[in-house]
Amino acid sequence: MTDLRRPEPWNPRELAEVTPREYEDQVCAWLSQATAPNRIDWKSRVVTPGRGGNYEIDVVGEMSLLRGAQIRILVECKRWRRRVDRDVILAHTQKLRNTASHKGFIFSTSGFQRGAIEAATEAGIATLTFEDGNARYETRSMGSPHEPSDWRPFPRYAAYLMSTTGKSTISRSLVSSEYIGSLTEWLREDIPQLAQE
């Protein structure tokens, strides 16, 4: 249930119980689904060379275009207890530059500070909260929240793609195995070749 009185209602109420491997594998699966049947090759736990050394990246997507031009997408999966702040966004922006990458994602199990979402929107980096799928269940009843009914299965995990849409508004778009469109649209914004296939 979403409590709109919370100071940051766009962030998860509880941390998803997920192992690092499950987390990266789920993110990789969503991204693969969002770009199918395109030629982006998604891999988890990748060492990527860049200016000043190598970077350990949670998920990397690569695609060859035309006569060997490379498109690279860097994805970080933050499994933290604290909210991702603006400094993490700035560091990811620097990794994108240092590795000649084109797009970036940051997934977080604990959510994002408002300043981080604003900085990410400005830099063209996607910010997504990673949640237990049951977190999508909401009721309008008084008292304590109820658990979802067995007859309405929810995905094991879900995410919300967030961005600022004005000075005080943060938009959220659902991402799950059933609802992958917002990831597909976000990727196609700067990589027109994905829309041509």
N, C-alpha and C. Protein backbone atom coordinates (compact mmCIF):
# COMPACT_ATOMS: atom_id res chain seq x y z
N MET A 1 0.85 -1.17 0.00
CA MET A 1 0.00 0.00 0.00
C MET A 1 0.89 1.24 0.00
N THR A 2 0.60 2.19 -0.83
CA THR A 2 1.39 3.41 -0.92
C THR A 2 0.82 4.45 0.03
N ASP A 3 1.64 4.93 0.94
CA ASP A 3 1.24 5.97 1.87
C ASP A 3 1.70 7.30 1.30
N LEU A 4 0.76 8.08 0.74
CA LEU A 4 1.12 9.33 0.08
C LEU A 4 1.57 10.39 1.06
N ARG A 5 1.42 10.15 2.37
CA ARG A 5 1.89 11.10 3.37
C ARG A 5 3.37 10.93 3.66
N ARG A 6 3.95 9.86 3.16
CA ARG A 6 5.38 9.66 3.35
C ARG A 6 6.13 10.77 2.64
N PRO A 7 7.29 11.20 3.17
CA PRO A 7 8.02 12.28 2.52
C PRO A 7 8.52 11.92 1.12
N GLU A 8 8.75 10.66 0.84
CA GLU A 8 9.22 10.20 -0.48
C GLU A 8 8.36 9.02 -0.93
N PRO A 9 7.11 9.26 -1.33
CA PRO A 9 6.21 8.15 -1.66
C PRO A 9 6.62 7.35 -2.88
N TRP A 10 7.59 7.83 -3.65
CA TRP A 10 8.04 7.09 -4.83
C TRP A 10 9.02 5.97 -4.46
N ASN A 11 9.49 5.94 -3.22
CA ASN A 11 10.45 4.92 -2.80
C ASN A 11 9.75 3.72 -2.17
N PRO A 12 10.39 2.54 -2.21
CA PRO A 12 9.78 1.34 -1.64
C PRO A 12 9.59 1.45 -0.14
N ARG A 13 8.51 0.86 0.35
CA ARG A 13 8.27 0.82 1.80
C ARG A 13 9.23 -0.15 2.48
N GLU A 14 9.49 -1.28 1.81
CA GLU A 14 10.36 -2.31 2.36
C GLU A 14 11.35 -2.74 1.29
N LEU A 15 12.52 -3.21 1.74
CA LEU A 15 13.52 -3.70 0.80
C LEU A 15 13.11 -5.06 0.26
N ALA A 16 13.31 -5.26 -1.02
CA ALA A 16 13.04 -6.57 -1.63
C ALA A 16 14.06 -7.57 -1.10
N GLU A 17 13.57 -8.77 -0.81
CA GLU A 17 14.48 -9.83 -0.39
C GLU A 17 14.97 -10.54 -1.64
N VAL A 18 16.18 -10.17 -2.06
CA VAL A 18 16.73 -10.68 -3.31
C VAL A 18 18.24 -10.82 -3.13
N THR A 19 18.80 -11.91 -3.66
CA THR A 19 20.24 -12.08 -3.62
C THR A 19 20.86 -11.21 -4.71
N PRO A 20 22.15 -10.88 -4.60
CA PRO A 20 22.78 -10.09 -5.66
C PRO A 20 22.65 -10.74 -7.04
N ARG A 21 22.82 -12.05 -7.10
CA ARG A 21 22.73 -12.73 -8.40
C ARG A 21 21.31 -12.69 -8.96
N GLU A 22 20.30 -12.97 -8.11
CA GLU A 22 18.90 -12.90 -8.56
C GLU A 22 18.57 -11.50 -9.07
N TYR A 23 19.06 -10.51 -8.36
CA TYR A 23 18.82 -9.10 -8.69
C TYR A 23 19.36 -8.78 -10.09
N GLU A 24 20.63 -9.08 -10.30
CA GLU A 24 21.25 -8.80 -11.60
C GLU A 24 20.61 -9.63 -12.72
N ASP A 25 20.29 -10.89 -12.43
CA ASP A 25 19.67 -11.74 -13.44
C ASP A 25 18.28 -11.23 -13.82
N GLN A 26 17.50 -10.75 -12.83
CA GLN A 26 16.17 -10.23 -13.13
C GLN A 26 16.26 -8.96 -13.97
N VAL A 27 17.17 -8.06 -13.62
CA VAL A 27 17.36 -6.83 -14.39
C VAL A 27 17.79 -7.18 -15.82
N CYS A 28 18.70 -8.11 -15.96
CA CYS A 28 19.17 -8.55 -17.28
C CYS A 28 18.01 -9.13 -18.09
N ALA A 29 17.14 -9.91 -17.45
CA ALA A 29 15.98 -10.50 -18.14
C ALA A 29 15.01 -9.42 -18.61
N TRP A 30 14.73 -8.42 -17.77
CA TRP A 30 13.83 -7.34 -18.19
C TRP A 30 14.40 -6.58 -19.38
N LEU A 31 15.68 -6.27 -19.32
CA LEU A 31 16.31 -5.52 -20.41
C LEU A 31 16.33 -6.34 -21.70
N SER A 32 16.59 -7.63 -21.59
CA SER A 32 16.55 -8.51 -22.77
C SER A 32 15.16 -8.53 -23.37
N GLN A 33 14.15 -8.61 -22.51
CA GLN A 33 12.77 -8.62 -22.97
C GLN A 33 12.40 -7.29 -23.62
N ALA A 34 12.90 -6.18 -23.06
CA ALA A 34 12.58 -4.85 -23.58
C ALA A 34 13.21 -4.59 -24.95
N THR A 35 14.29 -5.28 -25.27
CA THR A 35 14.99 -5.04 -26.53
C THR A 35 14.82 -6.17 -27.53
N ALA A 36 14.07 -7.21 -27.18
CA ALA A 36 13.85 -8.32 -28.11
C ALA A 36 13.02 -7.83 -29.29
N PRO A 37 13.25 -8.26 -30.49
CA PRO A 37 14.25 -9.22 -30.96
C PRO A 37 15.51 -8.53 -31.48
N ASN A 38 15.89 -7.44 -30.87
CA ASN A 38 17.05 -6.68 -31.34
C ASN A 38 18.36 -7.37 -31.01
N ARG A 39 19.43 -6.76 -31.44
CA ARG A 39 20.75 -7.38 -31.32
C ARG A 39 21.52 -6.92 -30.10
N ILE A 40 20.87 -6.47 -29.06
CA ILE A 40 21.61 -6.07 -27.86
C ILE A 40 21.92 -7.33 -27.06
N ASP A 41 23.17 -7.49 -26.74
CA ASP A 41 23.64 -8.63 -25.96
C ASP A 41 23.82 -8.16 -24.52
N TRP A 42 22.98 -8.65 -23.61
CA TRP A 42 23.03 -8.26 -22.20
C TRP A 42 23.80 -9.29 -21.40
N LYS A 43 24.76 -8.84 -20.59
CA LYS A 43 25.56 -9.73 -19.74
C LYS A 43 25.66 -9.12 -18.35
N SER A 44 25.67 -9.98 -17.36
CA SER A 44 25.83 -9.49 -15.99
C SER A 44 27.26 -9.74 -15.50
N ARG A 45 27.65 -8.93 -14.53
CA ARG A 45 28.98 -9.01 -13.90
C ARG A 45 30.10 -8.91 -14.94
N VAL A 46 30.24 -7.73 -15.53
CA VAL A 46 31.18 -7.50 -16.62
C VAL A 46 32.25 -6.50 -16.20
N VAL A 47 33.51 -6.79 -16.55
CA VAL A 47 34.59 -5.82 -16.38
C VAL A 47 34.73 -5.06 -17.69
N THR A 48 34.54 -3.75 -17.63
CA THR A 48 34.55 -2.91 -18.82
C THR A 48 35.75 -1.98 -18.78
N PRO A 49 36.60 -2.00 -19.83
CA PRO A 49 37.75 -1.10 -19.84
C PRO A 49 37.31 0.34 -20.12
N GLY A 50 38.05 1.28 -19.51
CA GLY A 50 37.75 2.68 -19.73
C GLY A 50 38.99 3.53 -19.47
N ARG A 51 38.85 4.82 -19.68
CA ARG A 51 39.96 5.72 -19.37
C ARG A 51 40.22 5.64 -17.87
N GLY A 52 41.45 5.44 -17.51
CA GLY A 52 41.81 5.40 -16.10
C GLY A 52 41.67 4.03 -15.46
N GLY A 53 41.37 2.98 -16.24
CA GLY A 53 41.30 1.64 -15.67
C GLY A 53 40.04 0.89 -16.05
N ASN A 54 39.82 -0.21 -15.36
CA ASN A 54 38.67 -1.07 -15.61
C ASN A 54 37.56 -0.78 -14.60
N TYR A 55 36.32 -1.00 -15.03
CA TYR A 55 35.15 -0.81 -14.18
C TYR A 55 34.39 -2.12 -14.08
N GLU A 56 34.02 -2.50 -12.86
CA GLU A 56 33.16 -3.66 -12.66
C GLU A 56 31.73 -3.16 -12.75
N ILE A 57 30.99 -3.63 -13.74
CA ILE A 57 29.63 -3.17 -14.00
C ILE A 57 28.68 -4.35 -13.78
N ASP A 58 27.55 -4.09 -13.14
CA ASP A 58 26.59 -5.16 -12.83
C ASP A 58 25.98 -5.78 -14.08
N VAL A 59 25.52 -4.94 -15.02
CA VAL A 59 24.93 -5.44 -16.27
C VAL A 59 25.38 -4.50 -17.40
N VAL A 60 25.80 -5.09 -18.52
CA VAL A 60 26.22 -4.31 -19.68
C VAL A 60 25.48 -4.84 -20.90
N GLY A 61 24.96 -3.91 -21.70
CA GLY A 61 24.34 -4.26 -22.97
C GLY A 61 25.19 -3.70 -24.10
N GLU A 62 25.46 -4.52 -25.12
CA GLU A 62 26.25 -4.06 -26.26
C GLU A 62 25.56 -4.46 -27.56
N MET A 63 25.71 -3.58 -28.55
CA MET A 63 25.07 -3.78 -29.84
C MET A 63 25.99 -3.22 -30.92
N SER A 64 26.15 -3.95 -32.02
CA SER A 64 26.95 -3.47 -33.16
C SER A 64 26.02 -2.90 -34.21
N LEU A 65 26.41 -1.77 -34.78
CA LEU A 65 25.63 -1.12 -35.82
C LEU A 65 26.48 -0.91 -37.06
N LEU A 66 25.82 -0.78 -38.18
CA LEU A 66 26.45 -0.45 -39.45
C LEU A 66 27.72 -1.25 -39.67
N ARG A 67 28.85 -0.57 -39.70
CA ARG A 67 30.11 -1.27 -39.96
C ARG A 67 30.94 -1.41 -38.70
N GLY A 68 30.33 -1.90 -37.65
CA GLY A 68 31.07 -2.18 -36.42
C GLY A 68 30.99 -1.12 -35.35
N ALA A 69 30.18 -0.08 -35.53
CA ALA A 69 30.01 0.91 -34.46
C ALA A 69 29.36 0.22 -33.26
N GLN A 70 29.87 0.49 -32.07
CA GLN A 70 29.39 -0.16 -30.85
C GLN A 70 28.51 0.78 -30.03
N ILE A 71 27.38 0.26 -29.59
CA ILE A 71 26.51 0.95 -28.64
C ILE A 71 26.67 0.19 -27.32
N ARG A 72 26.95 0.91 -26.23
CA ARG A 72 27.13 0.26 -24.93
C ARG A 72 26.20 0.93 -23.92
N ILE A 73 25.55 0.10 -23.09
CA ILE A 73 24.63 0.57 -22.05
C ILE A 73 25.12 -0.01 -20.72
N LEU A 74 25.33 0.87 -19.73
CA LEU A 74 25.80 0.43 -18.42
C LEU A 74 24.66 0.45 -17.40
N VAL A 75 24.57 -0.62 -16.61
CA VAL A 75 23.51 -0.75 -15.62
C VAL A 75 24.13 -1.08 -14.27
N GLU A 76 23.78 -0.30 -13.26
CA GLU A 76 24.21 -0.59 -11.90
C GLU A 76 23.01 -1.04 -11.09
N CYS A 77 23.20 -2.04 -10.24
CA CYS A 77 22.15 -2.59 -9.38
C CYS A 77 22.56 -2.35 -7.93
N LYS A 78 22.00 -1.32 -7.32
CA LYS A 78 22.35 -0.96 -5.94
C LYS A 78 21.42 -1.71 -4.98
N ARG A 79 22.02 -2.59 -4.20
CA ARG A 79 21.28 -3.37 -3.19
C ARG A 79 21.69 -2.82 -1.82
N TRP A 80 21.20 -1.63 -1.55
CA TRP A 80 21.60 -0.89 -0.35
C TRP A 80 20.42 -0.71 0.59
N ARG A 81 20.74 -0.28 1.81
CA ARG A 81 19.70 0.08 2.78
C ARG A 81 19.43 1.58 2.77
N ARG A 82 20.30 2.33 2.16
CA ARG A 82 20.11 3.79 2.10
C ARG A 82 19.73 4.21 0.68
N ARG A 83 19.09 5.34 0.60
CA ARG A 83 18.66 5.87 -0.69
C ARG A 83 19.87 6.26 -1.54
N VAL A 84 19.76 6.07 -2.84
CA VAL A 84 20.81 6.49 -3.76
C VAL A 84 20.79 8.01 -3.82
N ASP A 85 21.97 8.63 -3.69
CA ASP A 85 22.03 10.09 -3.70
C ASP A 85 22.63 10.61 -5.01
N ARG A 86 22.69 11.93 -5.13
CA ARG A 86 23.16 12.60 -6.34
C ARG A 86 24.60 12.20 -6.70
N ASP A 87 25.45 11.96 -5.70
CA ASP A 87 26.84 11.59 -5.98
C ASP A 87 26.95 10.29 -6.77
N VAL A 88 26.05 9.35 -6.51
CA VAL A 88 26.05 8.08 -7.25
C VAL A 88 25.71 8.35 -8.73
N ILE A 89 24.78 9.25 -8.97
CA ILE A 89 24.41 9.61 -10.35
C ILE A 89 25.60 10.26 -11.05
N LEU A 90 26.27 11.18 -10.35
CA LEU A 90 27.43 11.85 -10.95
C LEU A 90 28.55 10.84 -11.25
N ALA A 91 28.77 9.88 -10.35
CA ALA A 91 29.79 8.86 -10.58
C ALA A 91 29.41 7.98 -11.79
N HIS A 92 28.13 7.66 -11.92
CA HIS A 92 27.69 6.84 -13.06
C HIS A 92 27.85 7.61 -14.37
N THR A 93 27.56 8.91 -14.33
CA THR A 93 27.76 9.76 -15.51
C THR A 93 29.22 9.73 -15.94
N GLN A 94 30.12 9.76 -14.97
CA GLN A 94 31.55 9.71 -15.28
C GLN A 94 31.95 8.35 -15.86
N LYS A 95 31.37 7.27 -15.34
CA LYS A 95 31.64 5.94 -15.90
C LYS A 95 31.18 5.85 -17.35
N LEU A 96 30.01 6.45 -17.63
CA LEU A 96 29.51 6.44 -19.01
C LEU A 96 30.51 7.13 -19.93
N ARG A 97 31.02 8.28 -19.50
CA ARG A 97 32.00 9.01 -20.32
C ARG A 97 33.30 8.23 -20.47
N ASN A 98 33.81 7.70 -19.36
CA ASN A 98 35.10 7.02 -19.38
C ASN A 98 35.10 5.72 -20.18
N THR A 99 33.93 5.11 -20.35
CA THR A 99 33.84 3.86 -21.11
C THR A 99 33.22 4.07 -22.48
N ALA A 100 32.99 5.32 -22.87
CA ALA A 100 32.36 5.65 -24.16
C ALA A 100 31.02 4.94 -24.32
N SER A 101 30.25 4.93 -23.23
CA SER A 101 28.92 4.29 -23.25
C SER A 101 27.85 5.31 -23.60
N HIS A 102 26.71 4.82 -24.06
CA HIS A 102 25.67 5.69 -24.59
C HIS A 102 24.50 5.92 -23.65
N LYS A 103 24.16 4.95 -22.85
CA LYS A 103 23.02 5.09 -21.93
C LYS A 103 23.37 4.44 -20.62
N GLY A 104 22.65 4.87 -19.58
CA GLY A 104 22.88 4.30 -18.26
C GLY A 104 21.59 4.09 -17.50
N PHE A 105 21.61 3.07 -16.66
CA PHE A 105 20.51 2.75 -15.75
C PHE A 105 21.08 2.59 -14.35
N ILE A 106 20.29 2.97 -13.36
CA ILE A 106 20.61 2.62 -11.98
C ILE A 106 19.33 2.07 -11.36
N PHE A 107 19.39 0.82 -10.93
CA PHE A 107 18.31 0.18 -10.19
C PHE A 107 18.68 0.25 -8.71
N SER A 108 17.69 0.43 -7.83
CA SER A 108 17.95 0.51 -6.40
C SER A 108 16.85 -0.19 -5.62
N THR A 109 17.23 -1.01 -4.66
CA THR A 109 16.25 -1.67 -3.79
C THR A 109 15.74 -0.73 -2.70
N SER A 110 16.44 0.36 -2.44
CA SER A 110 16.05 1.27 -1.36
C SER A 110 15.49 2.59 -1.86
N GLY A 111 15.55 2.85 -3.14
CA GLY A 111 15.01 4.07 -3.71
C GLY A 111 16.05 5.15 -3.92
N PHE A 112 15.57 6.36 -4.19
CA PHE A 112 16.42 7.47 -4.58
C PHE A 112 16.02 8.75 -3.84
N GLN A 113 16.99 9.55 -3.52
CA GLN A 113 16.70 10.89 -3.03
C GLN A 113 16.19 11.72 -4.21
N ARG A 114 15.37 12.71 -3.92
CA ARG A 114 14.80 13.56 -4.98
C ARG A 114 15.91 14.17 -5.84
N GLY A 115 16.98 14.66 -5.22
CA GLY A 115 18.08 15.27 -5.97
C GLY A 115 18.74 14.29 -6.93
N ALA A 116 18.78 13.02 -6.56
CA ALA A 116 19.36 12.00 -7.44
C ALA A 116 18.49 11.80 -8.67
N ILE A 117 17.17 11.77 -8.48
CA ILE A 117 16.27 11.59 -9.62
C ILE A 117 16.36 12.80 -10.55
N GLU A 118 16.44 13.99 -9.98
CA GLU A 118 16.56 15.21 -10.79
C GLU A 118 17.86 15.20 -11.60
N ALA A 119 18.97 14.84 -10.94
CA ALA A 119 20.26 14.79 -11.64
C ALA A 119 20.26 13.72 -12.72
N ALA A 120 19.65 12.57 -12.44
CA ALA A 120 19.59 11.48 -13.43
C ALA A 120 18.75 11.88 -14.63
N THR A 121 17.62 12.52 -14.39
CA THR A 121 16.77 12.96 -15.50
C THR A 121 17.53 13.93 -16.39
N GLU A 122 18.25 14.85 -15.77
CA GLU A 122 19.04 15.83 -16.53
C GLU A 122 20.16 15.16 -17.33
N ALA A 123 20.78 14.12 -16.74
CA ALA A 123 21.90 13.43 -17.41
C ALA A 123 21.44 12.33 -18.36
N GLY A 124 20.13 12.03 -18.41
CA GLY A 124 19.64 10.98 -19.30
C GLY A 124 19.87 9.58 -18.76
N ILE A 125 19.98 9.46 -17.44
CA ILE A 125 20.17 8.15 -16.79
C ILE A 125 18.84 7.70 -16.22
N ALA A 126 18.46 6.46 -16.50
CA ALA A 126 17.20 5.93 -15.98
C ALA A 126 17.38 5.50 -14.53
N THR A 127 16.43 5.88 -13.67
CA THR A 127 16.45 5.45 -12.28
C THR A 127 15.23 4.56 -12.05
N LEU A 128 15.46 3.39 -11.47
CA LEU A 128 14.38 2.45 -11.22
C LEU A 128 14.47 1.88 -9.81
N THR A 129 13.34 1.86 -9.11
CA THR A 129 13.31 1.17 -7.83
C THR A 129 12.99 -0.29 -8.12
N PHE A 130 13.64 -1.18 -7.41
CA PHE A 130 13.45 -2.62 -7.57
C PHE A 130 12.70 -3.10 -6.33
N GLU A 131 11.55 -3.73 -6.52
CA GLU A 131 10.69 -4.09 -5.40
C GLU A 131 10.19 -5.51 -5.48
N ASP A 132 9.73 -6.01 -4.35
CA ASP A 132 8.99 -7.26 -4.29
C ASP A 132 7.71 -7.04 -5.10
N GLY A 133 7.31 -8.00 -5.91
CA GLY A 133 6.13 -7.84 -6.75
C GLY A 133 4.86 -7.58 -5.97
N ASN A 134 4.75 -8.10 -4.75
CA ASN A 134 3.56 -7.86 -3.94
C ASN A 134 3.43 -6.41 -3.51
N ALA A 135 4.50 -5.62 -3.65
CA ALA A 135 4.44 -4.21 -3.28
C ALA A 135 3.45 -3.46 -4.18
N ARG A 136 3.10 -4.03 -5.33
CA ARG A 136 2.13 -3.41 -6.23
C ARG A 136 0.71 -3.50 -5.71
N TYR A 137 0.48 -4.37 -4.73
CA TYR A 137 -0.87 -4.59 -4.21
C TYR A 137 -1.26 -3.44 -3.29
N GLU A 138 -2.40 -2.84 -3.58
CA GLU A 138 -2.90 -1.74 -2.75
C GLU A 138 -4.36 -1.99 -2.41
N THR A 139 -4.76 -1.56 -1.22
CA THR A 139 -6.16 -1.64 -0.83
C THR A 139 -6.62 -0.26 -0.37
N ARG A 140 -7.93 -0.10 -0.32
CA ARG A 140 -8.50 1.16 0.17
C ARG A 140 -9.23 0.91 1.48
N SER A 141 -8.73 0.01 2.27
CA SER A 141 -9.41 -0.31 3.53
C SER A 141 -8.73 0.39 4.70
N MET A 142 -9.47 0.54 5.76
CA MET A 142 -8.93 1.11 6.99
C MET A 142 -8.14 0.01 7.72
N GLY A 143 -7.19 0.41 8.52
CA GLY A 143 -6.46 -0.56 9.32
C GLY A 143 -5.20 -1.02 8.64
N SER A 144 -4.70 -2.15 9.09
CA SER A 144 -3.43 -2.67 8.58
C SER A 144 -3.60 -3.19 7.15
N PRO A 145 -2.50 -3.12 6.37
CA PRO A 145 -2.58 -3.60 4.98
C PRO A 145 -2.81 -5.10 4.92
N HIS A 146 -3.49 -5.53 3.87
CA HIS A 146 -3.77 -6.95 3.65
C HIS A 146 -2.77 -7.50 2.65
N GLU A 147 -2.62 -8.82 2.68
CA GLU A 147 -1.79 -9.50 1.69
C GLU A 147 -2.61 -9.74 0.43
N PRO A 148 -1.96 -9.83 -0.74
CA PRO A 148 -2.70 -10.11 -1.97
C PRO A 148 -3.38 -11.47 -1.91
N SER A 149 -4.51 -11.60 -2.59
CA SER A 149 -5.22 -12.87 -2.66
C SER A 149 -4.46 -13.85 -3.54
N ASP A 150 -4.63 -15.13 -3.27
CA ASP A 150 -3.96 -16.17 -4.07
C ASP A 150 -4.45 -16.19 -5.50
N TRP A 151 -5.72 -15.80 -5.74
CA TRP A 151 -6.28 -15.86 -7.08
C TRP A 151 -5.70 -14.80 -8.00
N ARG A 152 -5.06 -13.76 -7.45
CA ARG A 152 -4.45 -12.71 -8.28
C ARG A 152 -2.94 -12.75 -8.10
N PRO A 153 -2.25 -13.56 -8.91
CA PRO A 153 -0.80 -13.67 -8.73
C PRO A 153 -0.08 -12.38 -9.14
N PHE A 154 0.90 -12.02 -8.36
CA PHE A 154 1.75 -10.88 -8.68
C PHE A 154 3.13 -11.41 -9.06
N PRO A 155 3.87 -10.67 -9.88
CA PRO A 155 5.21 -11.14 -10.25
C PRO A 155 6.10 -11.19 -9.02
N ARG A 156 7.11 -11.99 -9.08
CA ARG A 156 8.04 -12.09 -7.95
C ARG A 156 8.70 -10.74 -7.68
N TYR A 157 9.11 -10.04 -8.74
CA TYR A 157 9.73 -8.72 -8.62
C TYR A 157 9.09 -7.75 -9.60
N ALA A 158 9.17 -6.48 -9.25
CA ALA A 158 8.70 -5.40 -10.13
C ALA A 158 9.64 -4.22 -9.93
N ALA A 159 9.56 -3.27 -10.82
CA ALA A 159 10.37 -2.05 -10.70
C ALA A 159 9.53 -0.87 -11.16
N TYR A 160 9.97 0.32 -10.80
CA TYR A 160 9.32 1.54 -11.26
C TYR A 160 10.38 2.45 -11.86
N LEU A 161 10.18 2.80 -13.13
CA LEU A 161 11.04 3.75 -13.83
C LEU A 161 10.58 5.14 -13.43
N MET A 162 11.50 5.96 -12.91
CA MET A 162 11.13 7.27 -12.39
C MET A 162 11.88 8.38 -13.10
N SER A 163 11.21 9.52 -13.20
CA SER A 163 11.86 10.72 -13.73
C SER A 163 11.09 11.93 -13.24
N THR A 164 11.74 13.08 -13.27
CA THR A 164 11.05 14.30 -12.89
C THR A 164 10.33 14.83 -14.12
N THR A 165 9.14 15.33 -13.90
CA THR A 165 8.34 15.87 -15.00
C THR A 165 7.99 17.33 -14.75
N GLY A 166 8.66 17.94 -13.83
CA GLY A 166 8.42 19.33 -13.48
C GLY A 166 9.17 19.62 -12.20
N LYS A 167 8.96 20.79 -11.64
CA LYS A 167 9.70 21.15 -10.43
C LYS A 167 9.38 20.25 -9.25
N SER A 168 8.14 19.82 -9.13
CA SER A 168 7.77 19.05 -7.94
C SER A 168 7.14 17.70 -8.25
N THR A 169 7.16 17.27 -9.49
CA THR A 169 6.48 16.04 -9.87
C THR A 169 7.48 14.96 -10.27
N ILE A 170 7.26 13.77 -9.73
CA ILE A 170 8.05 12.61 -10.12
C ILE A 170 7.08 11.59 -10.70
N SER A 171 7.35 11.18 -11.94
CA SER A 171 6.49 10.17 -12.57
C SER A 171 7.09 8.79 -12.34
N ARG A 172 6.19 7.80 -12.26
CA ARG A 172 6.60 6.40 -12.08
C ARG A 172 5.89 5.55 -13.11
N SER A 173 6.66 4.67 -13.78
CA SER A 173 6.10 3.74 -14.76
C SER A 173 6.48 2.33 -14.35
N LEU A 174 5.50 1.46 -14.28
CA LEU A 174 5.70 0.08 -13.85
C LEU A 174 6.55 -0.70 -14.85
N VAL A 175 7.44 -1.53 -14.31
CA VAL A 175 8.22 -2.47 -15.10
C VAL A 175 8.10 -3.84 -14.43
N SER A 176 7.67 -4.82 -15.21
CA SER A 176 7.65 -6.21 -14.76
C SER A 176 7.67 -7.06 -16.02
N SER A 177 7.65 -8.36 -15.87
CA SER A 177 7.67 -9.22 -17.06
C SER A 177 6.44 -9.00 -17.93
N GLU A 178 5.31 -8.58 -17.31
CA GLU A 178 4.09 -8.32 -18.07
C GLU A 178 4.03 -6.90 -18.63
N TYR A 179 4.75 -5.96 -18.02
CA TYR A 179 4.70 -4.54 -18.39
C TYR A 179 6.11 -4.03 -18.66
N ILE A 180 6.59 -4.23 -19.85
CA ILE A 180 7.98 -3.90 -20.17
C ILE A 180 8.08 -2.66 -21.07
N GLY A 181 6.95 -2.12 -21.50
CA GLY A 181 6.91 -1.04 -22.47
C GLY A 181 7.68 0.21 -22.09
N SER A 182 7.66 0.60 -20.82
CA SER A 182 8.36 1.83 -20.43
C SER A 182 9.87 1.68 -20.59
N LEU A 183 10.41 0.49 -20.36
CA LEU A 183 11.84 0.26 -20.60
C LEU A 183 12.15 0.33 -22.09
N THR A 184 11.31 -0.29 -22.90
CA THR A 184 11.50 -0.28 -24.36
C THR A 184 11.50 1.15 -24.88
N GLU A 185 10.51 1.94 -24.46
CA GLU A 185 10.43 3.34 -24.91
C GLU A 185 11.64 4.14 -24.48
N TRP A 186 12.07 3.95 -23.25
CA TRP A 186 13.21 4.72 -22.74
C TRP A 186 14.47 4.40 -23.53
N LEU A 187 14.69 3.14 -23.85
CA LEU A 187 15.87 2.74 -24.63
C LEU A 187 15.81 3.31 -26.04
N ARG A 188 14.64 3.35 -26.64
CA ARG A 188 14.50 3.80 -28.03
C ARG A 188 14.65 5.31 -28.19
N GLU A 189 14.53 6.07 -27.09
CA GLU A 189 14.64 7.53 -27.19
C GLU A 189 15.96 7.96 -27.82
N ASP A 190 17.07 7.38 -27.39
CA ASP A 190 18.39 7.80 -27.86
C ASP A 190 19.05 6.80 -28.79
N ILE A 191 18.44 5.65 -28.98
CA ILE A 191 19.01 4.64 -29.88
C ILE A 191 17.96 4.34 -30.95
N PRO A 192 17.85 5.21 -31.95
CA PRO A 192 16.78 5.05 -32.96
C PRO A 192 16.86 3.73 -33.71
N GLN A 193 18.02 3.10 -33.77
CA GLN A 193 18.15 1.83 -34.48
C GLN A 193 17.27 0.75 -33.86
N LEU A 194 16.96 0.87 -32.58
CA LEU A 194 16.08 -0.12 -31.93
C LEU A 194 14.67 -0.01 -32.48
N ALA A 195 14.25 1.19 -32.82
CA ALA A 195 12.89 1.39 -33.34
C ALA A 195 12.77 0.93 -34.79
N GLN A 196 13.89 0.82 -35.50
CA GLN A 196 13.84 0.44 -36.91
C GLN A 196 13.74 -1.05 -37.13
N GLU A 197 13.98 -1.82 -36.10
CA GLU A 197 13.99 -3.28 -36.30
C GLU A 197 12.62 -3.87 -36.06
